Structure formats: C-alpha cells, structure tokens
C-alpha cells in the first residue's frame, strides 16, 4: 500500500516530467490545433485520467494568453486531495465508462493514459470518448523506443520517488509507437486521425468525430 506522502512525492515527479518533457506543451499544442480547426475560441474539455490536472491546467493558462479559452473538467478514478489538485472542477469516474450524455464536451483529452491500456481497451476508450465529444478526442502519450528506455535511466536522478523510477520504465515498455496507435484508432468510429511525433518521445493525436 502506497502512503499518501509517497503518492504526493511521485505526483511531484510526474509534474516535473510534464513540465520539462512535453506534457504541458503537447497538450497545449493539441488543444490549439483542434480549436483553430474547429473554429472555436472557447471550448469545454473533459480531461480523462487527469490525476492532479497539472498538464491541462498549465496548457489552459498558456492558451489564455492567445485568447483561447478552455474550460476543463478533470476526471480520474481516484480522488486527489484539494491541496494537490490543479483543476477547479474535478470528479471521480471510470475512463472506460464515461458517465456523460452524448456530445457533452467539445473535446475529450487524455495525457499519459493510453499506454496503460491494452489494444482492445484503447479502441473501447476512443469510441466512448468520441461519443461524449462534439468535435474530437485528443491524446498525448509516450512513444516506445530503445533510446527512450535508455534515457530513463539517465533521468532517474531527477526523480524523488522510487515509485516514479519503476513506473517510468514500465510505462515506456508498455507504450505504443505512432504506427501501432494509428492501426488501432482506424478501427474506431473516427472519420479521420492526425498523429504526430512531439518533443522527447511524446506523440500527440487528434481523433476527429
């Protein structure tokens, strides 16, 4: 059982990763592109498996400077303490059984989530998210590669928690390549997809409804 102190330490490590290695920047990039292509200056976003909401919160702050307003609702299966949470609106819920009516949000977004799912679960999640979204599903995730796996060992001194070290290694091993992800998503109810490689072994995708 992980103590609350250990969980918060690991959460701080994840914030460092998202701040320095493409979490915030990729989320902001995807939202910007999706909003501009959809002709939206204001957008409602369901951030799934949001954790403490760090990436969506800081991406929203960046976009506000560009006169793009994002109103996020953060959903996670576990409740995060208020002092650790970045989202002003949050709730608990299952990402694979989203408790919302059809077309409830302009976009459904997730970061560092899909690599935790097996192929069938990826397809099921995207289809469920497309149902809830009006325009698109956005995802920001790791790209699996041998170089990425080697680099994680060099990054370990940045981590304060041994949990973060073990999770980083397993996450990279479980991650998909952009090609693998594309082959999965074309099996969903999407009309078109955009997947691109992003800074330091990230990939960003827009799955259009």
N, C-alpha and C. Protein backbone atom coordinates (compact mmCIF):
# COMPACT_ATOMS: atom_id res chain seq x y z
N UNK A 1 0.85 -1.20 0.00
CA UNK A 1 0.00 0.00 0.00
C UNK A 1 0.88 1.25 0.00
N UNK A 2 0.63 2.16 -0.92
CA UNK A 2 1.41 3.39 -1.03
C UNK A 2 0.87 4.42 -0.05
N UNK A 3 1.74 5.02 0.73
CA UNK A 3 1.31 6.05 1.67
C UNK A 3 0.96 7.33 0.92
N UNK A 4 0.19 8.20 1.57
CA UNK A 4 -0.19 9.47 0.94
C UNK A 4 1.04 10.31 0.66
N UNK A 5 2.05 10.25 1.55
CA UNK A 5 3.28 11.01 1.34
C UNK A 5 4.04 10.52 0.12
N UNK A 6 4.12 9.18 -0.04
CA UNK A 6 4.79 8.62 -1.22
C UNK A 6 4.04 8.98 -2.50
N UNK A 7 2.72 8.95 -2.43
CA UNK A 7 1.91 9.30 -3.61
C UNK A 7 2.15 10.75 -4.02
N UNK A 8 2.22 11.66 -3.06
CA UNK A 8 2.45 13.06 -3.37
C UNK A 8 3.85 13.29 -3.93
N UNK A 9 4.84 12.55 -3.40
CA UNK A 9 6.20 12.67 -3.93
C UNK A 9 6.26 12.22 -5.38
N UNK A 10 5.59 11.10 -5.68
CA UNK A 10 5.54 10.60 -7.05
C UNK A 10 4.80 11.59 -7.95
N UNK A 11 3.76 12.22 -7.40
CA UNK A 11 3.00 13.22 -8.16
C UNK A 11 3.87 14.41 -8.52
N UNK A 12 4.74 14.81 -7.62
CA UNK A 12 5.67 15.92 -7.92
C UNK A 12 6.63 15.53 -9.04
N UNK A 13 7.06 14.27 -9.03
CA UNK A 13 7.93 13.79 -10.12
C UNK A 13 7.21 13.86 -11.46
N UNK A 14 5.95 13.47 -11.46
CA UNK A 14 5.18 13.49 -12.72
C UNK A 14 5.01 14.91 -13.21
N UNK A 15 4.83 15.85 -12.30
CA UNK A 15 4.75 17.25 -12.71
C UNK A 15 6.04 17.71 -13.38
N UNK A 16 7.17 17.28 -12.83
CA UNK A 16 8.46 17.63 -13.44
C UNK A 16 8.56 17.09 -14.86
N UNK A 17 8.16 15.84 -15.03
CA UNK A 17 8.19 15.21 -16.36
C UNK A 17 7.30 15.99 -17.33
N UNK A 18 6.09 16.32 -16.89
CA UNK A 18 5.16 17.01 -17.79
C UNK A 18 5.58 18.45 -18.07
N UNK A 19 6.26 19.08 -17.13
CA UNK A 19 6.72 20.45 -17.34
C UNK A 19 7.91 20.50 -18.30
N UNK A 20 8.85 19.56 -18.15
CA UNK A 20 10.10 19.62 -18.90
C UNK A 20 10.09 18.80 -20.19
N UNK A 21 9.29 17.74 -20.24
CA UNK A 21 9.42 16.77 -21.32
C UNK A 21 8.16 16.58 -22.16
N UNK A 22 7.43 17.67 -22.40
CA UNK A 22 6.39 17.63 -23.42
C UNK A 22 4.97 17.41 -22.97
N UNK A 23 4.73 17.29 -21.66
CA UNK A 23 3.37 17.08 -21.22
C UNK A 23 2.51 18.31 -21.43
N UNK A 24 2.92 19.43 -20.87
CA UNK A 24 2.15 20.67 -20.98
C UNK A 24 2.18 21.18 -22.42
N UNK A 25 3.34 21.19 -23.04
CA UNK A 25 3.46 21.77 -24.39
C UNK A 25 2.66 20.97 -25.42
N UNK A 26 2.66 19.64 -25.32
CA UNK A 26 1.90 18.84 -26.28
C UNK A 26 0.41 19.00 -26.07
N UNK A 27 -0.03 19.05 -24.82
CA UNK A 27 -1.45 19.26 -24.54
C UNK A 27 -1.90 20.61 -25.08
N UNK A 28 -1.11 21.65 -24.86
CA UNK A 28 -1.46 22.98 -25.37
C UNK A 28 -1.50 22.97 -26.91
N UNK A 29 -0.53 22.32 -27.52
CA UNK A 29 -0.47 22.24 -28.99
C UNK A 29 -1.72 21.56 -29.55
N UNK A 30 -2.12 20.45 -28.96
CA UNK A 30 -3.29 19.72 -29.45
C UNK A 30 -4.57 20.53 -29.30
N UNK A 31 -4.72 21.17 -28.15
CA UNK A 31 -5.91 22.00 -27.94
C UNK A 31 -5.96 23.17 -28.91
N UNK A 32 -4.82 23.82 -29.09
CA UNK A 32 -4.75 24.96 -30.02
C UNK A 32 -5.15 24.52 -31.43
N UNK A 33 -4.55 23.45 -31.90
CA UNK A 33 -4.82 22.97 -33.26
C UNK A 33 -6.29 22.56 -33.42
N UNK A 34 -6.80 21.83 -32.44
CA UNK A 34 -8.19 21.37 -32.53
C UNK A 34 -9.17 22.52 -32.48
N UNK A 35 -8.90 23.51 -31.63
CA UNK A 35 -9.80 24.66 -31.53
C UNK A 35 -9.77 25.49 -32.80
N UNK A 36 -8.59 25.74 -33.34
CA UNK A 36 -8.49 26.55 -34.55
C UNK A 36 -9.14 25.85 -35.75
N UNK A 37 -8.94 24.53 -35.85
CA UNK A 37 -9.54 23.80 -36.97
C UNK A 37 -11.05 23.69 -36.82
N UNK A 38 -11.53 23.76 -35.58
CA UNK A 38 -12.97 23.69 -35.33
C UNK A 38 -13.62 25.06 -35.31
N UNK A 39 -12.81 26.13 -35.41
CA UNK A 39 -13.33 27.48 -35.39
C UNK A 39 -13.82 27.92 -34.02
N UNK A 40 -13.20 27.41 -32.96
CA UNK A 40 -13.62 27.71 -31.60
C UNK A 40 -12.62 28.62 -30.89
N UNK A 41 -13.12 29.64 -30.22
CA UNK A 41 -12.29 30.44 -29.33
C UNK A 41 -12.49 30.05 -27.88
N UNK A 42 -13.62 29.38 -27.62
CA UNK A 42 -13.91 28.85 -26.29
C UNK A 42 -14.28 27.38 -26.45
N UNK A 43 -13.77 26.54 -25.55
CA UNK A 43 -14.04 25.11 -25.67
C UNK A 43 -14.15 24.47 -24.29
N UNK A 44 -15.10 23.55 -24.17
CA UNK A 44 -15.21 22.72 -22.97
C UNK A 44 -14.43 21.44 -23.21
N UNK A 45 -13.68 21.00 -22.19
CA UNK A 45 -12.80 19.84 -22.34
C UNK A 45 -12.98 18.91 -21.14
N UNK A 46 -13.20 17.64 -21.42
CA UNK A 46 -13.15 16.61 -20.39
C UNK A 46 -11.76 16.02 -20.41
N UNK A 47 -11.00 16.23 -19.34
CA UNK A 47 -9.65 15.67 -19.24
C UNK A 47 -9.76 14.36 -18.46
N UNK A 48 -9.55 13.25 -19.16
CA UNK A 48 -9.74 11.92 -18.61
C UNK A 48 -8.44 11.40 -18.01
N UNK A 49 -8.56 10.62 -16.92
CA UNK A 49 -7.38 10.11 -16.21
C UNK A 49 -6.44 11.26 -15.89
N UNK A 50 -7.03 12.32 -15.35
CA UNK A 50 -6.34 13.61 -15.22
C UNK A 50 -5.33 13.66 -14.10
N UNK A 51 -5.40 12.73 -13.13
CA UNK A 51 -4.52 12.84 -11.97
C UNK A 51 -4.78 14.14 -11.25
N UNK A 52 -3.72 14.93 -11.05
CA UNK A 52 -3.89 16.23 -10.36
C UNK A 52 -4.26 17.36 -11.32
N UNK A 53 -4.34 17.05 -12.62
CA UNK A 53 -4.74 18.06 -13.59
C UNK A 53 -3.65 19.05 -13.96
N UNK A 54 -2.40 18.73 -13.66
CA UNK A 54 -1.30 19.67 -13.87
C UNK A 54 -1.18 20.09 -15.33
N UNK A 55 -1.14 19.13 -16.24
CA UNK A 55 -0.89 19.46 -17.66
C UNK A 55 -2.01 20.27 -18.27
N UNK A 56 -3.26 19.86 -18.04
CA UNK A 56 -4.38 20.59 -18.64
C UNK A 56 -4.49 21.99 -18.02
N UNK A 57 -4.20 22.11 -16.75
CA UNK A 57 -4.26 23.42 -16.08
C UNK A 57 -3.25 24.39 -16.69
N UNK A 58 -2.01 23.94 -16.86
CA UNK A 58 -0.98 24.84 -17.37
C UNK A 58 -1.11 25.05 -18.88
N UNK A 59 -1.63 24.05 -19.60
CA UNK A 59 -1.91 24.25 -21.02
C UNK A 59 -3.00 25.32 -21.19
N UNK A 60 -4.01 25.28 -20.33
CA UNK A 60 -5.08 26.26 -20.36
C UNK A 60 -4.54 27.67 -20.11
N UNK A 61 -3.64 27.80 -19.16
CA UNK A 61 -3.04 29.11 -18.87
C UNK A 61 -2.27 29.64 -20.07
N UNK A 62 -1.55 28.76 -20.77
CA UNK A 62 -0.81 29.19 -21.96
C UNK A 62 -1.76 29.68 -23.05
N UNK A 63 -2.82 28.94 -23.27
CA UNK A 63 -3.75 29.29 -24.35
C UNK A 63 -4.53 30.57 -24.05
N UNK A 64 -4.75 30.84 -22.77
CA UNK A 64 -5.46 32.06 -22.39
C UNK A 64 -4.71 33.29 -22.88
N UNK A 65 -3.38 33.21 -22.92
CA UNK A 65 -2.57 34.32 -23.40
C UNK A 65 -2.74 34.53 -24.91
N UNK A 66 -3.28 33.52 -25.59
CA UNK A 66 -3.53 33.60 -27.02
C UNK A 66 -5.02 33.86 -27.31
N UNK A 67 -5.76 34.23 -26.26
CA UNK A 67 -7.20 34.49 -26.37
C UNK A 67 -8.00 33.25 -26.75
N UNK A 68 -7.52 32.09 -26.33
CA UNK A 68 -8.25 30.84 -26.48
C UNK A 68 -8.65 30.37 -25.08
N UNK A 69 -9.95 30.27 -24.84
CA UNK A 69 -10.45 29.94 -23.51
C UNK A 69 -10.84 28.46 -23.45
N UNK A 70 -10.24 27.74 -22.51
CA UNK A 70 -10.54 26.32 -22.31
C UNK A 70 -11.12 26.14 -20.92
N UNK A 71 -12.26 25.48 -20.85
CA UNK A 71 -12.91 25.19 -19.57
C UNK A 71 -12.82 23.68 -19.34
N UNK A 72 -11.85 23.22 -18.52
CA UNK A 72 -11.67 21.78 -18.33
C UNK A 72 -12.42 21.23 -17.12
N UNK A 73 -12.90 20.01 -17.27
CA UNK A 73 -13.38 19.21 -16.16
C UNK A 73 -12.45 18.01 -16.05
N UNK A 74 -11.81 17.85 -14.91
CA UNK A 74 -10.84 16.76 -14.71
C UNK A 74 -11.53 15.55 -14.10
N UNK A 75 -11.36 14.41 -14.75
CA UNK A 75 -11.94 13.16 -14.26
C UNK A 75 -10.83 12.16 -13.99
N UNK A 76 -10.88 11.51 -12.84
CA UNK A 76 -9.92 10.46 -12.50
C UNK A 76 -10.63 9.43 -11.63
N UNK A 77 -10.14 8.21 -11.68
CA UNK A 77 -10.81 7.16 -10.89
C UNK A 77 -10.52 7.29 -9.40
N UNK A 78 -9.45 8.03 -9.07
CA UNK A 78 -9.12 8.25 -7.67
C UNK A 78 -9.26 9.73 -7.32
N UNK A 79 -9.74 9.99 -6.13
CA UNK A 79 -9.86 11.38 -5.68
C UNK A 79 -8.48 11.90 -5.30
N UNK A 80 -8.17 13.11 -5.73
CA UNK A 80 -6.92 13.78 -5.38
C UNK A 80 -7.21 14.84 -4.34
N UNK A 81 -6.36 14.93 -3.33
CA UNK A 81 -6.58 15.92 -2.27
C UNK A 81 -6.62 17.32 -2.85
N UNK A 82 -7.43 18.18 -2.25
CA UNK A 82 -7.63 19.53 -2.78
C UNK A 82 -6.33 20.33 -2.86
N UNK A 83 -5.46 20.14 -1.85
CA UNK A 83 -4.22 20.91 -1.85
C UNK A 83 -3.26 20.49 -2.96
N UNK A 84 -3.46 19.28 -3.51
CA UNK A 84 -2.60 18.80 -4.59
C UNK A 84 -3.23 19.00 -5.96
N UNK A 85 -4.50 19.40 -6.00
CA UNK A 85 -5.22 19.44 -7.27
C UNK A 85 -5.05 20.79 -7.97
N UNK A 86 -4.87 20.75 -9.28
CA UNK A 86 -4.75 21.97 -10.08
C UNK A 86 -6.07 22.37 -10.71
N UNK A 87 -6.99 21.44 -10.87
CA UNK A 87 -8.25 21.72 -11.56
C UNK A 87 -9.26 22.36 -10.62
N UNK A 88 -9.94 23.38 -11.12
CA UNK A 88 -11.00 23.99 -10.32
C UNK A 88 -12.27 23.14 -10.34
N UNK A 89 -12.43 22.32 -11.38
CA UNK A 89 -13.56 21.40 -11.45
C UNK A 89 -13.04 19.99 -11.66
N UNK A 90 -13.42 19.06 -10.77
CA UNK A 90 -12.95 17.69 -10.88
C UNK A 90 -13.98 16.74 -10.31
N UNK A 91 -13.88 15.49 -10.73
CA UNK A 91 -14.78 14.45 -10.25
C UNK A 91 -14.13 13.09 -10.43
N UNK A 92 -14.64 12.08 -9.74
CA UNK A 92 -14.15 10.73 -9.92
C UNK A 92 -15.04 10.00 -10.92
N UNK A 93 -14.42 9.08 -11.67
CA UNK A 93 -15.17 8.32 -12.65
C UNK A 93 -14.27 7.40 -13.44
N UNK A 94 -14.87 6.45 -14.15
CA UNK A 94 -14.16 5.44 -14.91
C UNK A 94 -13.98 5.91 -16.36
N UNK A 95 -12.73 5.98 -16.80
CA UNK A 95 -12.45 6.45 -18.16
C UNK A 95 -13.02 5.53 -19.23
N UNK A 96 -13.21 4.25 -18.90
CA UNK A 96 -13.74 3.30 -19.88
C UNK A 96 -15.26 3.23 -19.84
N UNK A 97 -15.88 3.95 -18.91
CA UNK A 97 -17.34 4.03 -18.85
C UNK A 97 -17.70 5.47 -18.49
N UNK A 98 -17.49 6.36 -19.42
CA UNK A 98 -17.65 7.78 -19.15
C UNK A 98 -19.11 8.11 -18.81
N UNK A 99 -19.33 8.71 -17.64
CA UNK A 99 -20.71 8.92 -17.16
C UNK A 99 -21.33 10.23 -17.65
N UNK A 100 -21.34 10.42 -18.98
CA UNK A 100 -21.86 11.66 -19.55
C UNK A 100 -22.74 11.33 -20.76
N UNK A 101 -23.72 12.20 -21.05
CA UNK A 101 -24.53 12.01 -22.27
C UNK A 101 -23.69 12.24 -23.53
N UNK A 102 -24.23 11.87 -24.66
CA UNK A 102 -23.56 12.09 -25.94
C UNK A 102 -23.29 13.59 -26.15
N UNK A 103 -22.13 13.86 -26.76
CA UNK A 103 -21.77 15.24 -27.16
C UNK A 103 -21.84 16.22 -26.00
N UNK A 104 -21.30 15.84 -24.86
CA UNK A 104 -21.33 16.70 -23.67
C UNK A 104 -20.23 17.76 -23.65
N UNK A 105 -19.11 17.49 -24.35
CA UNK A 105 -17.96 18.39 -24.34
C UNK A 105 -17.48 18.62 -25.77
N UNK A 106 -16.85 19.77 -26.00
CA UNK A 106 -16.25 19.99 -27.31
C UNK A 106 -15.16 18.96 -27.59
N UNK A 107 -14.31 18.72 -26.59
CA UNK A 107 -13.22 17.77 -26.75
C UNK A 107 -13.10 16.89 -25.51
N UNK A 108 -12.65 15.66 -25.74
CA UNK A 108 -12.20 14.78 -24.65
C UNK A 108 -10.70 14.62 -24.83
N UNK A 109 -9.95 14.79 -23.74
CA UNK A 109 -8.49 14.78 -23.81
C UNK A 109 -7.93 13.82 -22.76
N UNK A 110 -6.74 13.30 -23.04
CA UNK A 110 -6.05 12.49 -22.03
C UNK A 110 -4.55 12.61 -22.24
N UNK A 111 -3.81 12.49 -21.15
CA UNK A 111 -2.35 12.54 -21.20
C UNK A 111 -1.74 11.41 -20.41
N UNK A 112 -0.78 10.71 -21.01
CA UNK A 112 -0.09 9.60 -20.37
C UNK A 112 -1.07 8.55 -19.83
N UNK A 113 -2.07 8.26 -20.65
CA UNK A 113 -3.09 7.30 -20.24
C UNK A 113 -3.14 6.07 -21.14
N UNK A 114 -3.06 6.27 -22.45
CA UNK A 114 -3.31 5.16 -23.37
C UNK A 114 -2.29 4.03 -23.24
N UNK A 115 -1.07 4.34 -22.81
CA UNK A 115 -0.08 3.26 -22.68
C UNK A 115 -0.41 2.30 -21.54
N UNK A 116 -1.37 2.67 -20.69
CA UNK A 116 -1.81 1.77 -19.62
C UNK A 116 -2.88 0.78 -20.10
N UNK A 117 -3.36 0.97 -21.33
CA UNK A 117 -4.45 0.16 -21.86
C UNK A 117 -3.95 -0.87 -22.86
N UNK A 118 -4.62 -2.02 -22.90
CA UNK A 118 -4.31 -2.99 -23.95
C UNK A 118 -5.03 -2.55 -25.23
N UNK A 119 -4.72 -3.17 -26.38
CA UNK A 119 -5.30 -2.70 -27.65
C UNK A 119 -6.83 -2.64 -27.66
N UNK A 120 -7.48 -3.65 -27.11
CA UNK A 120 -8.95 -3.63 -27.10
C UNK A 120 -9.47 -2.49 -26.25
N UNK A 121 -8.80 -2.20 -25.14
CA UNK A 121 -9.22 -1.10 -24.27
C UNK A 121 -8.99 0.26 -24.94
N UNK A 122 -7.91 0.39 -25.72
CA UNK A 122 -7.68 1.65 -26.45
C UNK A 122 -8.85 1.92 -27.39
N UNK A 123 -9.25 0.90 -28.15
CA UNK A 123 -10.37 1.06 -29.09
C UNK A 123 -11.66 1.42 -28.34
N UNK A 124 -11.91 0.71 -27.23
CA UNK A 124 -13.13 0.96 -26.45
C UNK A 124 -13.12 2.37 -25.86
N UNK A 125 -11.96 2.80 -25.34
CA UNK A 125 -11.89 4.14 -24.76
C UNK A 125 -12.13 5.20 -25.82
N UNK A 126 -11.47 5.09 -26.97
CA UNK A 126 -11.63 6.11 -28.02
C UNK A 126 -13.08 6.17 -28.50
N UNK A 127 -13.71 5.03 -28.66
CA UNK A 127 -15.11 5.05 -29.08
C UNK A 127 -16.00 5.71 -28.03
N UNK A 128 -15.74 5.41 -26.74
CA UNK A 128 -16.51 6.04 -25.69
C UNK A 128 -16.27 7.54 -25.63
N UNK A 129 -15.02 7.94 -25.82
CA UNK A 129 -14.69 9.37 -25.80
C UNK A 129 -15.28 10.09 -27.00
N UNK A 130 -15.29 9.45 -28.17
CA UNK A 130 -15.92 10.06 -29.35
C UNK A 130 -17.41 10.26 -29.13
N UNK A 131 -18.03 9.37 -28.42
CA UNK A 131 -19.46 9.53 -28.12
C UNK A 131 -19.71 10.79 -27.28
N UNK A 132 -18.85 11.02 -26.29
CA UNK A 132 -19.01 12.14 -25.36
C UNK A 132 -18.58 13.47 -25.98
N UNK A 133 -17.66 13.41 -26.95
CA UNK A 133 -17.13 14.63 -27.57
C UNK A 133 -18.03 15.12 -28.70
N UNK A 134 -18.02 16.44 -28.89
CA UNK A 134 -18.72 17.01 -30.05
C UNK A 134 -17.82 17.06 -31.28
N UNK A 135 -16.50 17.29 -31.05
CA UNK A 135 -15.61 17.51 -32.19
C UNK A 135 -14.49 16.48 -32.31
N UNK A 136 -13.78 16.19 -31.22
CA UNK A 136 -12.61 15.32 -31.35
C UNK A 136 -12.14 14.81 -29.99
N UNK A 137 -11.32 13.77 -30.05
CA UNK A 137 -10.61 13.23 -28.90
C UNK A 137 -9.13 13.52 -29.09
N UNK A 138 -8.49 14.04 -28.06
CA UNK A 138 -7.07 14.40 -28.11
C UNK A 138 -6.29 13.49 -27.17
N UNK A 139 -5.13 13.04 -27.62
CA UNK A 139 -4.30 12.24 -26.71
C UNK A 139 -2.84 12.63 -26.81
N UNK A 140 -2.20 12.61 -25.68
CA UNK A 140 -0.80 12.98 -25.50
C UNK A 140 -0.15 11.82 -24.76
N UNK A 141 0.77 11.11 -25.41
CA UNK A 141 1.32 9.92 -24.76
C UNK A 141 2.78 9.70 -25.12
N UNK A 142 3.36 8.69 -24.48
CA UNK A 142 4.74 8.32 -24.73
C UNK A 142 4.87 7.57 -26.05
N UNK A 143 6.07 7.63 -26.63
CA UNK A 143 6.42 6.78 -27.77
C UNK A 143 7.45 5.76 -27.31
N UNK A 144 7.18 4.51 -27.57
CA UNK A 144 8.12 3.45 -27.17
C UNK A 144 9.34 3.46 -28.09
N UNK A 145 10.52 3.39 -27.49
CA UNK A 145 11.75 3.23 -28.28
C UNK A 145 12.87 2.80 -27.35
N UNK A 146 13.88 2.16 -27.91
CA UNK A 146 15.02 1.71 -27.11
C UNK A 146 15.80 2.90 -26.55
N UNK A 147 15.90 3.96 -27.35
CA UNK A 147 16.62 5.15 -26.87
C UNK A 147 15.89 5.77 -25.70
N UNK A 148 14.57 5.83 -25.79
CA UNK A 148 13.77 6.38 -24.70
C UNK A 148 13.98 5.57 -23.42
N UNK A 149 13.98 4.25 -23.57
CA UNK A 149 14.18 3.39 -22.40
C UNK A 149 15.56 3.61 -21.80
N UNK A 150 16.56 3.78 -22.65
CA UNK A 150 17.92 4.02 -22.14
C UNK A 150 18.01 5.36 -21.41
N UNK A 151 17.31 6.37 -21.94
CA UNK A 151 17.37 7.70 -21.34
C UNK A 151 16.72 7.76 -19.97
N UNK A 152 15.72 6.90 -19.73
CA UNK A 152 15.03 6.96 -18.45
C UNK A 152 16.00 6.70 -17.30
N UNK A 153 17.00 5.86 -17.56
CA UNK A 153 17.99 5.60 -16.51
C UNK A 153 18.84 6.84 -16.24
N UNK A 154 19.09 7.61 -17.28
CA UNK A 154 19.85 8.85 -17.09
C UNK A 154 19.02 9.91 -16.36
N UNK A 155 17.70 9.84 -16.51
CA UNK A 155 16.83 10.82 -15.87
C UNK A 155 16.53 10.49 -14.41
N UNK A 156 16.87 9.28 -13.97
CA UNK A 156 16.47 8.85 -12.62
C UNK A 156 16.90 9.80 -11.50
N UNK A 157 18.06 10.47 -11.59
CA UNK A 157 18.40 11.42 -10.52
C UNK A 157 17.40 12.58 -10.38
N UNK A 158 16.59 12.82 -11.42
CA UNK A 158 15.57 13.86 -11.33
C UNK A 158 14.41 13.45 -10.43
N UNK A 159 14.23 12.13 -10.27
CA UNK A 159 13.08 11.63 -9.53
C UNK A 159 13.36 11.59 -8.04
N UNK A 160 12.35 11.99 -7.27
CA UNK A 160 12.45 11.93 -5.81
C UNK A 160 11.89 10.63 -5.25
N UNK A 161 11.11 9.92 -6.05
CA UNK A 161 10.42 8.73 -5.57
C UNK A 161 10.86 7.48 -6.35
N UNK A 162 11.15 6.37 -5.66
CA UNK A 162 11.46 5.12 -6.37
C UNK A 162 10.26 4.60 -7.16
N UNK A 163 9.06 4.99 -6.74
CA UNK A 163 7.86 4.61 -7.49
C UNK A 163 7.91 5.19 -8.89
N UNK A 164 8.38 6.43 -8.99
CA UNK A 164 8.47 7.10 -10.29
C UNK A 164 9.45 6.40 -11.21
N UNK A 165 10.56 5.93 -10.65
CA UNK A 165 11.56 5.22 -11.47
C UNK A 165 10.97 3.95 -12.05
N UNK A 166 10.33 3.16 -11.21
CA UNK A 166 9.76 1.89 -11.67
C UNK A 166 8.63 2.14 -12.67
N UNK A 167 7.80 3.14 -12.39
CA UNK A 167 6.68 3.45 -13.28
C UNK A 167 7.17 3.96 -14.63
N UNK A 168 8.24 4.75 -14.62
CA UNK A 168 8.78 5.27 -15.87
C UNK A 168 9.26 4.17 -16.79
N UNK A 169 9.97 3.20 -16.23
CA UNK A 169 10.48 2.08 -17.03
C UNK A 169 9.33 1.26 -17.60
N UNK A 170 8.36 0.89 -16.74
CA UNK A 170 7.24 0.06 -17.21
C UNK A 170 6.39 0.82 -18.22
N UNK A 171 6.23 2.13 -18.03
CA UNK A 171 5.41 2.92 -18.96
C UNK A 171 6.01 2.94 -20.36
N UNK A 172 7.33 3.11 -20.44
CA UNK A 172 7.97 3.14 -21.76
C UNK A 172 7.85 1.77 -22.44
N UNK A 173 8.02 0.71 -21.67
CA UNK A 173 7.90 -0.63 -22.25
C UNK A 173 6.49 -0.92 -22.74
N UNK A 174 5.49 -0.37 -22.06
CA UNK A 174 4.09 -0.59 -22.43
C UNK A 174 3.61 0.35 -23.53
N UNK A 175 4.35 1.43 -23.79
CA UNK A 175 3.88 2.46 -24.72
C UNK A 175 3.78 1.93 -26.15
N UNK A 176 2.96 2.59 -26.94
CA UNK A 176 2.79 2.25 -28.35
C UNK A 176 3.68 3.14 -29.22
N UNK A 177 3.96 2.66 -30.41
CA UNK A 177 4.58 3.53 -31.42
C UNK A 177 3.45 4.28 -32.14
N UNK A 178 3.75 5.38 -32.81
CA UNK A 178 2.70 6.08 -33.57
C UNK A 178 2.02 5.18 -34.61
N UNK A 179 2.80 4.30 -35.22
CA UNK A 179 2.24 3.39 -36.23
C UNK A 179 1.26 2.41 -35.59
N UNK A 180 1.63 1.88 -34.43
CA UNK A 180 0.72 0.96 -33.72
C UNK A 180 -0.55 1.67 -33.29
N UNK A 181 -0.39 2.88 -32.79
CA UNK A 181 -1.57 3.63 -32.35
C UNK A 181 -2.49 3.94 -33.52
N UNK A 182 -1.92 4.31 -34.65
CA UNK A 182 -2.73 4.60 -35.83
C UNK A 182 -3.53 3.38 -36.26
N UNK A 183 -2.89 2.20 -36.24
CA UNK A 183 -3.60 0.98 -36.64
C UNK A 183 -4.77 0.65 -35.71
N UNK A 184 -4.63 1.01 -34.44
CA UNK A 184 -5.73 0.79 -33.50
C UNK A 184 -6.87 1.78 -33.73
N UNK A 185 -6.51 3.05 -33.89
CA UNK A 185 -7.54 4.08 -33.94
C UNK A 185 -8.36 4.03 -35.22
N UNK A 186 -7.79 3.55 -36.31
CA UNK A 186 -8.58 3.43 -37.53
C UNK A 186 -9.68 2.37 -37.39
N UNK A 187 -9.62 1.59 -36.31
CA UNK A 187 -10.67 0.60 -36.04
C UNK A 187 -11.81 1.19 -35.22
N UNK A 188 -11.71 2.47 -34.86
CA UNK A 188 -12.75 3.12 -34.07
C UNK A 188 -13.75 3.83 -34.99
N UNK A 189 -14.63 4.59 -34.38
CA UNK A 189 -15.67 5.29 -35.16
C UNK A 189 -15.23 6.66 -35.67
N UNK A 190 -13.95 6.90 -35.74
CA UNK A 190 -13.44 8.18 -36.20
C UNK A 190 -13.65 8.37 -37.71
N UNK A 191 -13.73 9.65 -38.12
CA UNK A 191 -13.76 9.94 -39.56
C UNK A 191 -12.37 10.22 -40.08
N UNK A 192 -11.45 10.69 -39.21
CA UNK A 192 -10.07 10.91 -39.61
C UNK A 192 -9.21 11.09 -38.36
N UNK A 193 -7.91 10.84 -38.50
CA UNK A 193 -7.00 10.97 -37.38
C UNK A 193 -5.74 11.72 -37.80
N UNK A 194 -5.15 12.42 -36.83
CA UNK A 194 -3.86 13.07 -37.01
C UNK A 194 -2.96 12.61 -35.86
N UNK A 195 -1.81 12.05 -36.18
CA UNK A 195 -0.85 11.66 -35.15
C UNK A 195 0.50 12.22 -35.54
N UNK A 196 1.17 12.87 -34.60
CA UNK A 196 2.49 13.41 -34.89
C UNK A 196 3.43 13.15 -33.73
N UNK A 197 4.71 13.07 -34.08
CA UNK A 197 5.75 12.92 -33.06
C UNK A 197 6.02 14.28 -32.44
N UNK A 198 6.16 14.28 -31.10
CA UNK A 198 6.39 15.51 -30.37
C UNK A 198 7.68 15.41 -29.57
N UNK A 199 8.02 16.49 -28.90
CA UNK A 199 9.29 16.62 -28.21
C UNK A 199 9.57 15.46 -27.26
N UNK A 200 10.76 14.94 -27.38
CA UNK A 200 11.34 13.95 -26.47
C UNK A 200 10.44 12.74 -26.23
N UNK A 201 10.18 12.03 -27.33
CA UNK A 201 9.49 10.75 -27.28
C UNK A 201 8.04 10.84 -26.82
N UNK A 202 7.41 11.94 -27.15
CA UNK A 202 5.96 12.05 -27.00
C UNK A 202 5.31 11.90 -28.35
N UNK A 203 4.02 11.55 -28.35
CA UNK A 203 3.22 11.67 -29.57
C UNK A 203 1.90 12.33 -29.20
N UNK A 204 1.39 13.10 -30.13
CA UNK A 204 0.12 13.77 -29.94
C UNK A 204 -0.84 13.37 -31.04
N UNK A 205 -2.08 13.18 -30.69
CA UNK A 205 -3.06 12.78 -31.69
C UNK A 205 -4.38 13.48 -31.54
N UNK A 206 -5.02 13.73 -32.67
CA UNK A 206 -6.39 14.27 -32.72
C UNK A 206 -7.23 13.25 -33.49
N UNK A 207 -8.25 12.74 -32.83
CA UNK A 207 -9.15 11.77 -33.42
C UNK A 207 -10.46 12.50 -33.69
N UNK A 208 -10.73 12.78 -34.95
CA UNK A 208 -11.89 13.60 -35.30
C UNK A 208 -13.17 12.78 -35.35
N UNK A 209 -14.22 13.37 -34.84
CA UNK A 209 -15.53 12.69 -34.81
C UNK A 209 -16.20 12.82 -36.16
